[in-house]
Structures are given as structure tokens and as C-alpha cells.
Amino acid sequence: MLTRLDVLMSWCRMEFKPKKSRSLSMRRGKVDEATTFPVAERQIPTVSQEPVKSLGRCTLDRLKEAIRRKRPGLLRRGVVFQHDNATPHSANFTQQWLKRYGWEILPHPAHSPDLAPSDFHLFGPLKRHLGGMAFETEDDLISELRNWFDNLDVDFFRVGINSLLSRWQKCIDLHGD
């Protein structure tokens, strides 16, 4: 099957990206670290070699630590957490970690970009800022993104979050339409 995948990828002129792929082999109900999978003459790293960078334990642990450092006391008052119900976010593993933290999960209808501040408030200005720019390397792009975010005023984020309330109310008033 992996050989066929390799052939299809080369036919479609697709590139295999090991950094974005993970493998997990199970034998008799236990993880088998010895089995690896090659695609395009490169090994797919296992989940334990390179944990998936999704809304999983590692990301949530880093988020919790950042909240503890940057907003002391917020964890005691309670965190209201919103995500977009994408599969990695709504997976049992992620939900268990959120429950363990005691964070309230703000319900969010799937596929509702009008209720995600990143979609309705952040991506438009970011797209306008980056429009017409060309980057030689990924590091150049990352540098520009960091510069843009560092120069945003706190009010930019406040406006985006505060407008969420009126957007939720509009969604409720229109019965989700």
C-alpha cells in the first residue's frame, strides 16, 4: 500500500513531508516502536519519536503554562476555551485533557468561520498585510509574521474577542442560519 502511495504521489507531483506525517504500528494491542514505514525513500517518524503538533497534550500543556506565566490567577478563576470542533480538537484524547484542566468549553458549531475570531478578525488584515510580498525562505516569512504580530496593538485583539459576543447573539437570533 505504501508503495502505491509513493507511486501516486510522484505521479501527482506531490512531495512527501515527513514533518507533517506520523506512523503508529500496533501489535497485540501494544505500540510497536520497531516497525517503521518508508515513503519516497524517507522514514515516516513514529508518534513517540515526534509527537503530533495538534491540540493534544503537548500543546495544551504549553498553553496552560503560558496562561500561568502571562495571566497569573486566570487558571484559578476559570478558563473558557473555544475551538472549532475540528477532529483533533474534538477527539476523546483532547477532550479528556480539557476536562482534566477543568476548563469550560464554549460550544462552537462546526464549520462556522463567522464565530471564530481568527477567521473573522485576524486572517483578513493578515492577508492584506502579506499581499504582494514574496519570501525567499520560510524563515523570512516567519520573521515577517512575528514582526506583524509584535506590532499589533492590544486593542486589535480586544475588538476581535469583544465582537464575538454580538456574533454569537446574531447566530442565536437567526437560529443558526
Protein backbone atom coordinates (compact mmCIF):
# COMPACT_ATOMS: atom_id res chain seq x y z
CA MET A 1 0.00 0.00 0.00
CA LEU A 2 2.82 2.43 0.84
CA THR A 3 4.49 1.62 -2.49
CA ARG A 4 1.25 2.52 -4.29
CA LEU A 5 1.05 5.75 -2.29
CA ASP A 6 4.62 6.55 -3.29
CA VAL A 7 3.77 5.98 -6.99
CA LEU A 8 0.63 8.12 -6.77
CA MET A 9 2.49 10.93 -5.05
CA SER A 10 5.16 11.06 -7.74
CA TRP A 11 2.51 10.86 -10.50
CA CYS A 12 0.64 13.81 -8.95
CA ARG A 13 3.94 15.65 -8.41
CA MET A 14 3.25 15.76 -4.71
CA GLU A 15 6.02 15.91 -2.18
CA PHE A 16 6.05 13.76 0.94
CA LYS A 17 6.58 15.88 4.04
CA PRO A 18 7.91 13.75 6.89
CA LYS A 19 7.49 16.65 9.34
CA LYS A 20 3.73 16.52 8.79
CA SER A 21 3.32 12.73 8.87
CA ARG A 22 3.39 10.23 11.71
CA SER A 23 3.13 6.47 11.92
CA LEU A 24 1.75 4.24 14.62
CA SER A 25 2.11 0.48 14.48
CA MET A 26 0.25 -1.75 16.94
CA ARG A 27 0.90 -5.42 17.66
CA ARG A 28 -1.23 -7.38 20.07
CA GLY A 29 -2.74 -4.19 21.44
CA LYS A 30 0.62 -2.54 22.18
CA VAL A 31 2.56 0.12 20.30
CA ASP A 32 5.33 -1.43 18.19
CA GLU A 33 8.26 1.03 18.06
CA ALA A 34 10.37 -1.27 15.89
CA THR A 35 8.16 -1.04 12.81
CA THR A 36 8.77 1.96 10.55
CA PHE A 37 7.25 2.95 7.24
CA PRO A 38 9.23 4.38 4.33
CA VAL A 39 7.63 6.68 1.74
CA ALA A 40 9.62 8.38 -1.01
CA GLU A 41 12.79 6.81 0.42
CA ARG A 42 12.26 8.60 3.74
CA GLN A 43 11.03 7.16 7.01
CA ILE A 44 7.77 8.36 8.49
CA PRO A 45 8.57 9.22 12.12
CA THR A 46 6.53 7.46 14.77
CA VAL A 47 4.17 9.35 17.04
CA SER A 48 6.50 8.79 20.00
CA GLN A 49 9.58 9.97 18.05
CA GLU A 50 7.87 13.21 17.06
CA PRO A 51 4.59 13.88 18.87
CA VAL A 52 1.85 15.29 16.69
CA LYS A 53 1.64 19.05 16.93
CA SER A 54 -2.09 19.35 17.23
CA LEU A 55 -4.40 20.33 20.01
CA GLY A 56 -3.14 17.42 22.07
CA ARG A 57 -1.45 17.01 25.40
CA CYS A 58 1.80 18.80 24.48
CA THR A 59 0.03 21.83 23.01
CA LEU A 60 -2.44 22.05 25.88
CA ASP A 61 0.35 21.74 28.45
CA ARG A 62 2.23 24.60 26.75
CA LEU A 63 -0.95 26.68 26.61
CA LYS A 64 -1.66 26.10 30.29
CA GLU A 65 1.92 27.04 31.22
CA ALA A 66 1.73 30.20 29.09
CA ILE A 67 -1.53 31.20 30.82
CA ARG A 68 0.10 30.57 34.20
CA ARG A 69 3.09 32.79 33.28
CA LYS A 70 1.29 35.58 31.45
CA ARG A 71 -2.03 35.78 33.30
CA PRO A 72 -1.45 34.74 36.92
CA GLY A 73 -4.71 33.93 38.66
CA LEU A 74 -6.67 33.23 35.47
CA LEU A 75 -6.40 29.48 35.92
CA ARG A 76 -7.99 29.76 39.38
CA ARG A 77 -10.86 31.94 38.09
CA GLY A 78 -11.50 29.52 35.25
CA VAL A 79 -10.69 29.34 31.59
CA VAL A 80 -13.36 29.36 28.90
CA PHE A 81 -11.89 27.58 25.93
CA GLN A 82 -13.18 27.78 22.36
CA HIS A 83 -12.13 25.61 19.45
CA ASP A 84 -13.65 24.89 16.06
CA ASN A 85 -14.63 21.24 16.56
CA ALA A 86 -12.06 20.03 14.04
CA THR A 87 -11.31 16.34 14.51
CA PRO A 88 -8.06 16.85 16.51
CA HIS A 89 -9.86 19.29 18.81
CA SER A 90 -12.92 17.15 19.45
CA ALA A 91 -11.02 13.87 19.81
CA ASN A 92 -11.58 11.99 23.07
CA PHE A 93 -7.89 12.44 23.96
CA THR A 94 -8.14 16.24 23.70
CA GLN A 95 -11.50 16.36 25.49
CA GLN A 96 -10.07 14.32 28.38
CA TRP A 97 -7.20 16.78 28.80
CA LEU A 98 -9.54 19.77 28.71
CA LYS A 99 -11.74 18.08 31.32
CA ARG A 100 -8.66 17.31 33.45
CA TYR A 101 -7.77 21.02 33.41
CA GLY A 102 -11.32 21.89 34.44
CA TRP A 103 -11.68 24.34 31.55
CA GLU A 104 -15.16 25.22 30.36
CA ILE A 105 -15.55 24.50 26.66
CA LEU A 106 -17.53 27.11 24.77
CA PRO A 107 -19.76 25.22 22.35
CA HIS A 108 -18.99 26.01 18.74
CA PRO A 109 -20.86 24.78 15.68
CA ALA A 110 -18.59 23.04 13.20
CA HIS A 111 -17.70 24.94 10.02
CA SER A 112 -18.66 28.34 11.44
CA PRO A 113 -15.91 30.79 10.45
CA ASP A 114 -18.19 33.69 11.36
CA LEU A 115 -17.84 32.61 15.01
CA ALA A 116 -14.06 32.13 15.07
CA PRO A 117 -12.20 35.38 15.85
CA SER A 118 -9.19 34.20 13.88
CA ASP A 119 -11.38 33.83 10.79
CA PHE A 120 -13.50 36.98 11.04
CA HIS A 121 -10.97 39.34 12.63
CA LEU A 122 -7.39 38.15 12.15
CA PHE A 123 -6.94 36.48 8.76
CA GLY A 124 -8.29 39.39 6.66
CA PRO A 125 -5.84 42.00 7.99
CA LEU A 126 -3.03 39.45 7.89
CA LYS A 127 -3.83 38.61 4.26
CA ARG A 128 -3.87 42.32 3.34
CA HIS A 129 -0.54 42.82 5.11
CA LEU A 130 1.14 39.91 3.31
CA GLY A 131 -0.48 40.70 -0.05
CA GLY A 132 2.11 41.16 -2.78
CA MET A 133 5.04 40.12 -0.60
CA ALA A 134 7.40 37.37 -1.70
CA PHE A 135 9.65 35.45 0.65
CA GLU A 136 12.91 33.76 -0.23
CA THR A 137 12.76 31.34 2.68
CA GLU A 138 10.34 30.05 5.29
CA ASP A 139 12.45 31.90 7.90
CA ASP A 140 11.80 35.19 6.08
CA LEU A 141 8.06 34.55 6.23
CA ILE A 142 8.22 33.62 9.92
CA SER A 143 10.21 36.78 10.64
CA GLU A 144 7.63 38.94 8.87
CA LEU A 145 4.76 37.24 10.72
CA ARG A 146 6.46 37.74 14.08
CA ASN A 147 7.10 41.39 13.23
CA TRP A 148 3.45 41.90 12.24
CA PHE A 149 2.08 40.24 15.39
CA ASP A 150 4.56 42.09 17.63
CA ASN A 151 3.39 45.43 16.24
CA LEU A 152 -0.33 44.79 16.71
CA ASP A 153 -1.93 46.87 19.42
CA VAL A 154 -3.65 45.08 22.32
CA ASP A 155 -6.90 46.75 21.26
CA PHE A 156 -6.79 44.83 17.97
CA PHE A 157 -7.27 41.58 19.89
CA ARG A 158 -9.74 43.10 22.35
CA VAL A 159 -12.01 44.24 19.49
CA GLY A 160 -11.94 40.78 17.90
CA ILE A 161 -12.82 38.98 21.11
CA ASN A 162 -15.48 41.52 22.13
CA SER A 163 -17.21 41.28 18.75
CA LEU A 164 -17.61 37.55 19.34
CA LEU A 165 -20.48 38.24 21.78
CA SER A 166 -22.55 40.10 19.18
CA ARG A 167 -21.79 37.43 16.57
CA TRP A 168 -22.98 34.70 18.95
CA GLN A 169 -26.16 36.66 19.66
CA LYS A 170 -26.82 37.12 15.94
CA CYS A 171 -26.35 33.38 15.39
CA ILE A 172 -28.80 32.64 18.23
CA ASP A 173 -31.32 35.18 16.94
CA LEU A 174 -31.19 33.63 13.46
CA HIS A 175 -31.45 30.08 14.89
CA GLY A 176 -28.03 29.17 13.50
CA ASP A 177 -28.68 30.38 9.94
